[in-house]
Amino acid sequence: MSWRTAFTHLAAIPVAGVQTSYDVDDLPNTLPAADLPALVPAFPPVGGADEDDPDLAVLTYDGSAWTAALHVEHLLVWCPTWSEMGLRSALPALIEAVDSYLAAVSADGTLGGALAAPLEVVRVQVGVIAWGGVTYYGARFRHRWVRTVG
């Protein structure tokens, strides 16, 4: 299987309370309001060390098969920060959506068998996130994926 297959399976996981889940082929430049709340795949910023996992992109050889690790971010975009909703109003539903997301992802941790081991959610951040030059209330899920190469 491939990283691409893993992204397709990630986009297909149904999450209660989420209107749209984008695959990498369908990413818009801006998020239409009608698609919110939405899940958007992304990557962590390049450069600098991650204090939780200093080996962000590693190709290791364990004597039998090559494995590769990839860090992916999945953004839960809830509503624009300029909306009348405000963080205090958005937070209860957003936290419920975070719980729903974690439950949904755990039900298919290998993303349809594309990963060699269940994905690991290494960080969850709730607050203000940006997409396409717009700030939103939402959540950022950092995943660590491992797959066998070759």
C-alpha atoms as a PDB file:
ATOM      1  CA  MET A   1       0.000   0.000   0.000  1.00  0.00           C
ATOM      2  CA  SER A   2       1.035   3.628  -0.313  1.00  0.00           C
ATOM      3  CA  TRP A   3       0.877   6.918   1.584  1.00  0.00           C
ATOM      4  CA  ARG A   4      -1.660   8.037  -1.010  1.00  0.00           C
ATOM      5  CA  THR A   5      -3.926   5.097  -0.125  1.00  0.00           C
ATOM      6  CA  ALA A   6      -3.634   6.017   3.557  1.00  0.00           C
ATOM      7  CA  PHE A   7      -4.820   9.577   2.823  1.00  0.00           C
ATOM      8  CA  THR A   8      -7.793   8.251   0.844  1.00  0.00           C
ATOM      9  CA  HIS A   9      -8.804   6.001   3.745  1.00  0.00           C
ATOM     10  CA  LEU A  10      -8.336   8.865   6.226  1.00  0.00           C
ATOM     11  CA  ALA A  11     -10.723  11.043   4.217  1.00  0.00           C
ATOM     12  CA  ALA A  12     -13.307   8.233   4.124  1.00  0.00           C
ATOM     13  CA  ILE A  13     -13.555   7.840   7.912  1.00  0.00           C
ATOM     14  CA  PRO A  14     -16.950   9.210   8.977  1.00  0.00           C
ATOM     15  CA  VAL A  15     -16.809  11.555  11.968  1.00  0.00           C
ATOM     16  CA  ALA A  16     -20.035  12.563  13.727  1.00  0.00           C
ATOM     17  CA  GLY A  17     -20.650  16.298  13.488  1.00  0.00           C
ATOM     18  CA  VAL A  18     -18.272  16.846  10.550  1.00  0.00           C
ATOM     19  CA  GLN A  19     -19.832  18.007   7.282  1.00  0.00           C
ATOM     20  CA  THR A  20     -16.888  17.433   4.881  1.00  0.00           C
ATOM     21  CA  SER A  21     -13.689  15.395   4.908  1.00  0.00           C
ATOM     22  CA  TYR A  22     -11.263  16.321   2.147  1.00  0.00           C
ATOM     23  CA  ASP A  23      -8.931  13.931   0.374  1.00  0.00           C
ATOM     24  CA  VAL A  24      -5.639  15.376  -0.870  1.00  0.00           C
ATOM     25  CA  ASP A  25      -6.998  15.507  -4.448  1.00  0.00           C
ATOM     26  CA  ASP A  26      -9.912  17.702  -3.378  1.00  0.00           C
ATOM     27  CA  LEU A  27      -8.218  20.359  -1.229  1.00  0.00           C
ATOM     28  CA  PRO A  28      -9.676  23.787  -1.953  1.00  0.00           C
ATOM     29  CA  ASN A  29      -7.702  27.030  -1.757  1.00  0.00           C
ATOM     30  CA  THR A  30     -10.368  28.366   0.598  1.00  0.00           C
ATOM     31  CA  LEU A  31     -12.959  26.505   2.601  1.00  0.00           C
ATOM     32  CA  PRO A  32     -16.569  27.168   1.596  1.00  0.00           C
ATOM     33  CA  ALA A  33     -18.758  27.964   4.608  1.00  0.00           C
ATOM     34  CA  ALA A  34     -21.230  25.286   3.474  1.00  0.00           C
ATOM     35  CA  ASP A  35     -18.496  22.634   3.942  1.00  0.00           C
ATOM     36  CA  LEU A  36     -17.820  23.499   7.593  1.00  0.00           C
ATOM     37  CA  PRO A  37     -17.068  21.832   9.889  1.00  0.00           C
ATOM     38  CA  ALA A  38     -14.454  20.089   7.742  1.00  0.00           C
ATOM     39  CA  LEU A  39     -11.442  17.820   8.075  1.00  0.00           C
ATOM     40  CA  VAL A  40      -8.413  18.868   6.031  1.00  0.00           C
ATOM     41  CA  PRO A  41      -5.154  16.887   5.684  1.00  0.00           C
ATOM     42  CA  ALA A  42      -1.941  18.875   6.126  1.00  0.00           C
ATOM     43  CA  PHE A  43       1.678  18.464   7.140  1.00  0.00           C
ATOM     44  CA  PRO A  44       3.536  19.838  10.147  1.00  0.00           C
ATOM     45  CA  PRO A  45       5.793  22.810   9.446  1.00  0.00           C
ATOM     46  CA  VAL A  46       9.140  21.849   7.911  1.00  0.00           C
ATOM     47  CA  GLY A  47      12.294  22.669   9.842  1.00  0.00           C
ATOM     48  CA  GLY A  48      13.106  22.789  13.501  1.00  0.00           C
ATOM     49  CA  ALA A  49      13.042  19.884  15.875  1.00  0.00           C
ATOM     50  CA  ASP A  50       9.864  18.527  17.342  1.00  0.00           C
ATOM     51  CA  GLU A  51      10.526  18.103  21.039  1.00  0.00           C
ATOM     52  CA  ASP A  52       8.177  15.115  21.232  1.00  0.00           C
ATOM     53  CA  ASP A  53       9.785  13.194  18.364  1.00  0.00           C
ATOM     54  CA  PRO A  54      13.087  14.507  17.062  1.00  0.00           C
ATOM     55  CA  ASP A  55      13.226  12.010  14.164  1.00  0.00           C
ATOM     56  CA  LEU A  56      10.327  13.355  12.107  1.00  0.00           C
ATOM     57  CA  ALA A  57      11.189  11.602   8.858  1.00  0.00           C
ATOM     58  CA  VAL A  58      13.143   8.388   9.348  1.00  0.00           C
ATOM     59  CA  LEU A  59      13.827   5.470   7.082  1.00  0.00           C
ATOM     60  CA  THR A  60      15.019   2.558   9.215  1.00  0.00           C
ATOM     61  CA  TYR A  61      16.136  -0.949   8.445  1.00  0.00           C
ATOM     62  CA  ASP A  62      15.176  -3.611  10.995  1.00  0.00           C
ATOM     63  CA  GLY A  63      16.772  -6.541   9.170  1.00  0.00           C
ATOM     64  CA  SER A  64      13.654  -7.703   7.389  1.00  0.00           C
ATOM     65  CA  ALA A  65      11.789  -4.847   5.719  1.00  0.00           C
ATOM     66  CA  TRP A  66      12.214  -1.140   5.249  1.00  0.00           C
ATOM     67  CA  THR A  67       9.830   1.001   7.229  1.00  0.00           C
ATOM     68  CA  ALA A  68       9.149   4.695   6.880  1.00  0.00           C
ATOM     69  CA  ALA A  69       7.480   7.104   9.286  1.00  0.00           C
ATOM     70  CA  LEU A  70       5.459  10.103   8.173  1.00  0.00           C
ATOM     71  CA  HIS A  71       3.968  12.823  10.328  1.00  0.00           C
ATOM     72  CA  VAL A  72       0.624  14.121   9.131  1.00  0.00           C
ATOM     73  CA  GLU A  73      -1.687  16.750  10.539  1.00  0.00           C
ATOM     74  CA  HIS A  74      -5.436  16.504  10.203  1.00  0.00           C
ATOM     75  CA  LEU A  75      -7.169  19.812  10.792  1.00  0.00           C
ATOM     76  CA  LEU A  76     -10.700  19.968  12.133  1.00  0.00           C
ATOM     77  CA  VAL A  77     -11.879  23.341  10.852  1.00  0.00           C
ATOM     78  CA  TRP A  78     -14.961  24.364  12.827  1.00  0.00           C
ATOM     79  CA  CYS A  79     -15.922  27.985  12.089  1.00  0.00           C
ATOM     80  CA  PRO A  80     -14.191  31.276  11.198  1.00  0.00           C
ATOM     81  CA  THR A  81     -12.901  33.263  14.152  1.00  0.00           C
ATOM     82  CA  TRP A  82     -14.812  36.307  12.884  1.00  0.00           C
ATOM     83  CA  SER A  83     -18.168  34.494  13.119  1.00  0.00           C
ATOM     84  CA  GLU A  84     -20.709  35.485  15.733  1.00  0.00           C
ATOM     85  CA  MET A  85     -20.271  32.086  17.366  1.00  0.00           C
ATOM     86  CA  GLY A  86     -17.068  32.938  19.258  1.00  0.00           C
ATOM     87  CA  LEU A  87     -14.770  30.423  20.930  1.00  0.00           C
ATOM     88  CA  ARG A  88     -16.861  30.165  24.091  1.00  0.00           C
ATOM     89  CA  SER A  89     -19.912  29.133  22.050  1.00  0.00           C
ATOM     90  CA  ALA A  90     -17.948  26.874  19.685  1.00  0.00           C
ATOM     91  CA  LEU A  91     -15.899  25.071  22.327  1.00  0.00           C
ATOM     92  CA  PRO A  92     -18.492  22.569  23.678  1.00  0.00           C
ATOM     93  CA  ALA A  93     -19.405  21.283  20.204  1.00  0.00           C
ATOM     94  CA  LEU A  94     -15.768  21.367  19.109  1.00  0.00           C
ATOM     95  CA  ILE A  95     -14.699  19.227  22.084  1.00  0.00           C
ATOM     96  CA  GLU A  96     -17.478  16.730  21.261  1.00  0.00           C
ATOM     97  CA  ALA A  97     -16.191  16.615  17.684  1.00  0.00           C
ATOM     98  CA  VAL A  98     -12.643  15.954  18.966  1.00  0.00           C
ATOM     99  CA  ASP A  99     -13.968  12.984  20.954  1.00  0.00           C
ATOM    100  CA  SER A 100     -15.904  11.737  17.907  1.00  0.00           C
ATOM    101  CA  TYR A 101     -12.808  12.119  15.733  1.00  0.00           C
ATOM    102  CA  LEU A 102     -10.606  10.111  18.086  1.00  0.00           C
ATOM    103  CA  ALA A 103     -13.215   7.351  18.323  1.00  0.00           C
ATOM    104  CA  ALA A 104     -13.633   7.215  14.533  1.00  0.00           C
ATOM    105  CA  VAL A 105      -9.898   7.114  13.823  1.00  0.00           C
ATOM    106  CA  SER A 106      -9.309   4.408  16.425  1.00  0.00           C
ATOM    107  CA  ALA A 107     -11.871   2.206  14.659  1.00  0.00           C
ATOM    108  CA  ASP A 108      -9.628   2.087  11.546  1.00  0.00           C
ATOM    109  CA  GLY A 109      -6.152   2.780  12.909  1.00  0.00           C
ATOM    110  CA  THR A 110      -4.283   1.154  10.012  1.00  0.00           C
ATOM    111  CA  LEU A 111      -6.319   3.174   7.502  1.00  0.00           C
ATOM    112  CA  GLY A 112      -7.641   0.187   5.627  1.00  0.00           C
ATOM    113  CA  GLY A 113      -4.382  -1.734   5.970  1.00  0.00           C
ATOM    114  CA  ALA A 114      -2.276   1.020   4.359  1.00  0.00           C
ATOM    115  CA  LEU A 115      -0.182   1.370   7.526  1.00  0.00           C
ATOM    116  CA  ALA A 116       2.020  -1.330   9.071  1.00  0.00           C
ATOM    117  CA  ALA A 117       0.845  -0.356  12.566  1.00  0.00           C
ATOM    118  CA  PRO A 118      -2.106   1.654  13.840  1.00  0.00           C
ATOM    119  CA  LEU A 119      -1.547   5.371  13.485  1.00  0.00           C
ATOM    120  CA  GLU A 120      -0.522   7.199  16.615  1.00  0.00           C
ATOM    121  CA  VAL A 121      -2.133  10.512  17.506  1.00  0.00           C
ATOM    122  CA  VAL A 122       0.854  12.241  19.099  1.00  0.00           C
ATOM    123  CA  ARG A 123      -0.702  15.654  19.701  1.00  0.00           C
ATOM    124  CA  VAL A 124      -4.131  17.285  19.813  1.00  0.00           C
ATOM    125  CA  GLN A 125      -4.344  21.087  19.901  1.00  0.00           C
ATOM    126  CA  VAL A 126      -7.643  22.935  20.152  1.00  0.00           C
ATOM    127  CA  GLY A 127      -7.920  26.663  19.477  1.00  0.00           C
ATOM    128  CA  VAL A 128      -7.248  28.955  16.538  1.00  0.00           C
ATOM    129  CA  ILE A 129      -5.917  27.404  13.314  1.00  0.00           C
ATOM    130  CA  ALA A 130      -5.338  28.846   9.852  1.00  0.00           C
ATOM    131  CA  TRP A 131      -6.227  27.579   6.382  1.00  0.00           C
ATOM    132  CA  GLY A 132      -6.032  29.507   3.121  1.00  0.00           C
ATOM    133  CA  GLY A 133      -5.239  32.789   4.857  1.00  0.00           C
ATOM    134  CA  VAL A 134      -8.309  32.588   7.121  1.00  0.00           C
ATOM    135  CA  THR A 135      -8.288  31.850  10.847  1.00  0.00           C
ATOM    136  CA  TYR A 136     -10.774  29.383  12.278  1.00  0.00           C
ATOM    137  CA  TYR A 137     -11.659  27.807  15.577  1.00  0.00           C
ATOM    138  CA  GLY A 138     -10.734  24.173  15.326  1.00  0.00           C
ATOM    139  CA  ALA A 139      -8.404  21.371  16.285  1.00  0.00           C
ATOM    140  CA  ARG A 140      -5.096  20.117  14.985  1.00  0.00           C
ATOM    141  CA  PHE A 141      -4.399  16.373  15.216  1.00  0.00           C
ATOM    142  CA  ARG A 142      -0.775  15.308  14.687  1.00  0.00           C
ATOM    143  CA  HIS A 143      -0.477  11.694  13.526  1.00  0.00           C
ATOM    144  CA  ARG A 144       2.541   9.459  13.169  1.00  0.00           C
ATOM    145  CA  TRP A 145       2.132   6.902  10.406  1.00  0.00           C
ATOM    146  CA  VAL A 146       4.447   3.927   9.770  1.00  0.00           C
ATOM    147  CA  ARG A 147       4.357   1.750   6.694  1.00  0.00           C
ATOM    148  CA  THR A 148       6.457  -0.962   5.155  1.00  0.00           C
ATOM    149  CA  VAL A 149       8.240   0.144   1.993  1.00  0.00           C
ATOM    150  CA  GLY A 150       8.905  -2.259  -0.838  1.00  0.00           C
END
